[in-house]
Amino acid sequence: MSANLSSSSERAARSGSRAFSLLQQGAAVLFGVVVLYAVGFLPMSAAHNAAHDTRHAFVFPCH
């Protein structure tokens, strides 16, 4: 019976870590999109042009 308890706790731990990993990945993607979009409004031309070209490459609206 203890073998069943340990295997269910292991499954629960793996499920929790998988959910946490997906949350981290989603947060990283969201942060990247926000940074990419926000840099396009900077007055510095090099950063603006890099973000502008990247947004065009991903077919994001920019103007």
C-alpha atoms as a PDB file:
ATOM      1  CA  MET A   1       0.000   0.000   0.000  1.00  0.00           C
ATOM      2  CA  SER A   2       2.882   2.403   0.663  1.00  0.00           C
ATOM      3  CA  ALA A   3       4.096   1.849  -2.901  1.00  0.00           C
ATOM      4  CA  ASN A   4       0.770   3.158  -4.194  1.00  0.00           C
ATOM      5  CA  LEU A   5       0.982   6.219  -1.968  1.00  0.00           C
ATOM      6  CA  SER A   6       4.469   7.081  -3.110  1.00  0.00           C
ATOM      7  CA  SER A   7       3.588   6.678  -6.775  1.00  0.00           C
ATOM      8  CA  SER A   8       0.524   8.925  -6.425  1.00  0.00           C
ATOM      9  CA  SER A   9       2.564  11.556  -4.620  1.00  0.00           C
ATOM     10  CA  GLU A  10       5.210  11.347  -7.337  1.00  0.00           C
ATOM     11  CA  ARG A  11       2.517  11.823  -9.999  1.00  0.00           C
ATOM     12  CA  ALA A  12       1.128  14.828  -8.131  1.00  0.00           C
ATOM     13  CA  ALA A  13       4.614  16.348  -7.859  1.00  0.00           C
ATOM     14  CA  ARG A  14       5.268  15.854 -11.570  1.00  0.00           C
ATOM     15  CA  SER A  15       1.885  17.357 -12.443  1.00  0.00           C
ATOM     16  CA  GLY A  16       2.567  20.393 -10.244  1.00  0.00           C
ATOM     17  CA  SER A  17       6.020  20.951 -11.698  1.00  0.00           C
ATOM     18  CA  ARG A  18       4.645  20.627 -15.237  1.00  0.00           C
ATOM     19  CA  ALA A  19       1.985  23.252 -14.507  1.00  0.00           C
ATOM     20  CA  PHE A  20       4.606  25.544 -12.969  1.00  0.00           C
ATOM     21  CA  SER A  21       6.848  25.085 -16.014  1.00  0.00           C
ATOM     22  CA  LEU A  22       4.004  26.005 -18.357  1.00  0.00           C
ATOM     23  CA  LEU A  23       3.288  29.070 -16.235  1.00  0.00           C
ATOM     24  CA  GLN A  24       6.939  30.131 -16.453  1.00  0.00           C
ATOM     25  CA  GLN A  25       7.009  29.623 -20.210  1.00  0.00           C
ATOM     26  CA  GLY A  26       3.822  31.629 -20.667  1.00  0.00           C
ATOM     27  CA  ALA A  27       5.179  34.456 -18.520  1.00  0.00           C
ATOM     28  CA  ALA A  28       8.417  34.534 -20.534  1.00  0.00           C
ATOM     29  CA  VAL A  29       6.527  34.692 -23.843  1.00  0.00           C
ATOM     30  CA  LEU A  30       4.230  37.434 -22.544  1.00  0.00           C
ATOM     31  CA  PHE A  31       7.207  39.425 -21.242  1.00  0.00           C
ATOM     32  CA  GLY A  32       8.960  39.077 -24.606  1.00  0.00           C
ATOM     33  CA  VAL A  33       5.920  40.284 -26.528  1.00  0.00           C
ATOM     34  CA  VAL A  34       5.485  43.270 -24.203  1.00  0.00           C
ATOM     35  CA  VAL A  35       9.146  44.217 -24.501  1.00  0.00           C
ATOM     36  CA  LEU A  36       9.097  43.817 -28.280  1.00  0.00           C
ATOM     37  CA  TYR A  37       6.000  45.964 -28.624  1.00  0.00           C
ATOM     38  CA  ALA A  38       7.096  48.616 -26.092  1.00  0.00           C
ATOM     39  CA  VAL A  39      10.583  49.096 -27.589  1.00  0.00           C
ATOM     40  CA  GLY A  40       8.963  50.193 -30.841  1.00  0.00           C
ATOM     41  CA  PHE A  41       7.774  53.383 -29.148  1.00  0.00           C
ATOM     42  CA  LEU A  42      11.226  54.420 -27.929  1.00  0.00           C
ATOM     43  CA  PRO A  43      12.705  57.570 -29.452  1.00  0.00           C
ATOM     44  CA  MET A  44      16.108  55.870 -29.844  1.00  0.00           C
ATOM     45  CA  SER A  45      16.200  54.981 -33.546  1.00  0.00           C
ATOM     46  CA  ALA A  46      18.334  51.805 -33.304  1.00  0.00           C
ATOM     47  CA  ALA A  47      16.032  50.128 -30.761  1.00  0.00           C
ATOM     48  CA  HIS A  48      12.930  51.375 -32.576  1.00  0.00           C
ATOM     49  CA  ASN A  49      14.116  50.070 -35.954  1.00  0.00           C
ATOM     50  CA  ALA A  50      15.061  46.671 -34.520  1.00  0.00           C
ATOM     51  CA  ALA A  51      11.631  46.278 -32.923  1.00  0.00           C
ATOM     52  CA  HIS A  52       9.942  47.620 -36.061  1.00  0.00           C
ATOM     53  CA  ASP A  53      11.637  45.077 -38.320  1.00  0.00           C
ATOM     54  CA  THR A  54      10.939  42.243 -35.870  1.00  0.00           C
ATOM     55  CA  ARG A  55       7.266  43.167 -35.651  1.00  0.00           C
ATOM     56  CA  HIS A  56       7.034  43.187 -39.457  1.00  0.00           C
ATOM     57  CA  ALA A  57       8.697  39.762 -39.547  1.00  0.00           C
ATOM     58  CA  PHE A  58       6.009  38.406 -37.179  1.00  0.00           C
ATOM     59  CA  VAL A  59       3.215  40.318 -38.995  1.00  0.00           C
ATOM     60  CA  PHE A  60       2.390  42.485 -35.947  1.00  0.00           C
ATOM     61  CA  PRO A  61       0.799  45.868 -36.666  1.00  0.00           C
ATOM     62  CA  CYS A  62       3.119  48.744 -35.901  1.00  0.00           C
ATOM     63  CA  HIS A  63       1.772  51.906 -37.541  1.00  0.00           C
END
